[in-house]
Amino acid sequence: MVLESMALAESNGPKSWRIRRDFENVLRAMQRSVDHQKTVTAHGTLMSDERLPLAVLDFPELTNLEGRVLVHGAEESSGRS
């Protein structure tokens, strides 16, 4: 079973499974991670130097920005951009 391989469920006997209570949250977090990677791949650029600082900004409150914008997109869960 797929959920068992992800440590989200375990067999509790024949045709019986015990599911983690937070399985939905774990699956949603995994999906957000995949979505983020797709967004970066489609619209962003990876930093060439891992020592450079990285910041996630709230653009409506931004008054000044120095540096390089790697990706800009709507956050799916809130609809904000």
C-alpha atoms as a PDB file:
ATOM      1  CA  MET A   1       0.000   0.000   0.000  1.00  0.00           C
ATOM      2  CA  VAL A   2       1.280   3.458  -0.885  1.00  0.00           C
ATOM      3  CA  LEU A   3       0.392   5.034   2.463  1.00  0.00           C
ATOM      4  CA  GLU A   4       2.246   2.252   4.251  1.00  0.00           C
ATOM      5  CA  SER A   5       5.406   2.913   2.224  1.00  0.00           C
ATOM      6  CA  MET A   6       5.130   6.581   3.248  1.00  0.00           C
ATOM      7  CA  ALA A   7       4.760   5.613   6.942  1.00  0.00           C
ATOM      8  CA  LEU A   8       1.243   7.081   6.983  1.00  0.00           C
ATOM      9  CA  ALA A   9      -0.535   3.767   7.568  1.00  0.00           C
ATOM     10  CA  GLU A  10       0.213   0.315   8.909  1.00  0.00           C
ATOM     11  CA  SER A  11      -1.533  -3.002   8.581  1.00  0.00           C
ATOM     12  CA  ASN A  12      -3.663  -3.845  11.571  1.00  0.00           C
ATOM     13  CA  GLY A  13      -4.701  -7.303  10.367  1.00  0.00           C
ATOM     14  CA  PRO A  14      -6.358  -8.677   7.251  1.00  0.00           C
ATOM     15  CA  LYS A  15      -8.242  -5.906   5.439  1.00  0.00           C
ATOM     16  CA  SER A  16      -7.647  -3.557   8.374  1.00  0.00           C
ATOM     17  CA  TRP A  17      -5.397  -0.500   8.460  1.00  0.00           C
ATOM     18  CA  ARG A  18      -4.413   2.045  11.078  1.00  0.00           C
ATOM     19  CA  ILE A  19      -4.004   5.511   9.519  1.00  0.00           C
ATOM     20  CA  ARG A  20      -2.031   8.368  11.087  1.00  0.00           C
ATOM     21  CA  ARG A  21      -4.318  11.119  12.368  1.00  0.00           C
ATOM     22  CA  ASP A  22      -2.303  13.796  10.581  1.00  0.00           C
ATOM     23  CA  PHE A  23      -2.064  11.977   7.231  1.00  0.00           C
ATOM     24  CA  GLU A  24      -4.016  14.702   5.436  1.00  0.00           C
ATOM     25  CA  ASN A  25      -1.683  17.443   6.729  1.00  0.00           C
ATOM     26  CA  VAL A  26       1.368  15.394   5.735  1.00  0.00           C
ATOM     27  CA  LEU A  27       0.003  14.803   2.221  1.00  0.00           C
ATOM     28  CA  ARG A  28      -0.870  18.501   1.821  1.00  0.00           C
ATOM     29  CA  ALA A  29       2.642  19.519   2.940  1.00  0.00           C
ATOM     30  CA  MET A  30       4.140  17.102   0.438  1.00  0.00           C
ATOM     31  CA  GLN A  31       1.953  18.546  -2.326  1.00  0.00           C
ATOM     32  CA  ARG A  32       2.960  22.120  -1.421  1.00  0.00           C
ATOM     33  CA  SER A  33       6.594  21.062  -1.654  1.00  0.00           C
ATOM     34  CA  VAL A  34       6.045  19.554  -5.112  1.00  0.00           C
ATOM     35  CA  ASP A  35       4.106  22.634  -6.232  1.00  0.00           C
ATOM     36  CA  HIS A  36       6.917  24.886  -4.997  1.00  0.00           C
ATOM     37  CA  GLN A  37       9.501  22.884  -6.911  1.00  0.00           C
ATOM     38  CA  LYS A  38       7.377  23.068 -10.070  1.00  0.00           C
ATOM     39  CA  THR A  39       7.045  26.848  -9.691  1.00  0.00           C
ATOM     40  CA  VAL A  40      10.778  27.315  -9.221  1.00  0.00           C
ATOM     41  CA  THR A  41      11.487  25.063 -12.186  1.00  0.00           C
ATOM     42  CA  ALA A  42       8.999  26.857 -14.424  1.00  0.00           C
ATOM     43  CA  HIS A  43       9.584  30.471 -13.383  1.00  0.00           C
ATOM     44  CA  GLY A  44      12.564  30.753 -11.102  1.00  0.00           C
ATOM     45  CA  THR A  45      16.275  30.436 -11.000  1.00  0.00           C
ATOM     46  CA  LEU A  46      18.325  28.462  -8.552  1.00  0.00           C
ATOM     47  CA  MET A  47      20.990  30.388  -6.668  1.00  0.00           C
ATOM     48  CA  SER A  48      24.469  29.547  -7.825  1.00  0.00           C
ATOM     49  CA  ASP A  49      26.036  30.287  -4.434  1.00  0.00           C
ATOM     50  CA  GLU A  50      24.364  28.568  -1.465  1.00  0.00           C
ATOM     51  CA  ARG A  51      26.022  31.062   0.913  1.00  0.00           C
ATOM     52  CA  LEU A  52      23.918  33.949  -0.420  1.00  0.00           C
ATOM     53  CA  PRO A  53      21.016  35.023   1.809  1.00  0.00           C
ATOM     54  CA  LEU A  54      17.505  34.007   0.814  1.00  0.00           C
ATOM     55  CA  ALA A  55      14.366  35.826   1.934  1.00  0.00           C
ATOM     56  CA  VAL A  56      10.657  35.395   1.272  1.00  0.00           C
ATOM     57  CA  LEU A  57       9.011  38.806   1.122  1.00  0.00           C
ATOM     58  CA  ASP A  58       5.474  40.107   1.389  1.00  0.00           C
ATOM     59  CA  PHE A  59       5.369  42.324  -1.719  1.00  0.00           C
ATOM     60  CA  PRO A  60       2.424  44.557  -0.702  1.00  0.00           C
ATOM     61  CA  GLU A  61       4.427  45.678   2.359  1.00  0.00           C
ATOM     62  CA  LEU A  62       7.719  46.012   0.467  1.00  0.00           C
ATOM     63  CA  THR A  63       9.136  49.521   0.064  1.00  0.00           C
ATOM     64  CA  ASN A  64      12.704  48.782  -1.009  1.00  0.00           C
ATOM     65  CA  LEU A  65      14.443  45.752  -2.500  1.00  0.00           C
ATOM     66  CA  GLU A  66      18.088  45.219  -3.314  1.00  0.00           C
ATOM     67  CA  GLY A  67      19.299  42.008  -4.848  1.00  0.00           C
ATOM     68  CA  ARG A  68      17.906  39.479  -7.236  1.00  0.00           C
ATOM     69  CA  VAL A  69      14.299  38.251  -7.411  1.00  0.00           C
ATOM     70  CA  LEU A  70      14.454  34.520  -8.115  1.00  0.00           C
ATOM     71  CA  VAL A  71      10.761  33.750  -8.393  1.00  0.00           C
ATOM     72  CA  HIS A  72       7.443  35.520  -7.938  1.00  0.00           C
ATOM     73  CA  GLY A  73       4.121  33.751  -7.973  1.00  0.00           C
ATOM     74  CA  ALA A  74       0.788  33.271  -6.285  1.00  0.00           C
ATOM     75  CA  GLU A  75       0.710  31.222  -3.121  1.00  0.00           C
ATOM     76  CA  GLU A  76      -1.871  28.538  -3.850  1.00  0.00           C
ATOM     77  CA  SER A  77      -3.170  28.055  -0.326  1.00  0.00           C
ATOM     78  CA  SER A  78      -3.880  31.758   0.278  1.00  0.00           C
ATOM     79  CA  GLY A  79      -4.275  33.067  -3.272  1.00  0.00           C
ATOM     80  CA  ARG A  80      -1.797  35.863  -2.462  1.00  0.00           C
ATOM     81  CA  SER A  81       0.892  36.852  -4.914  1.00  0.00           C
END
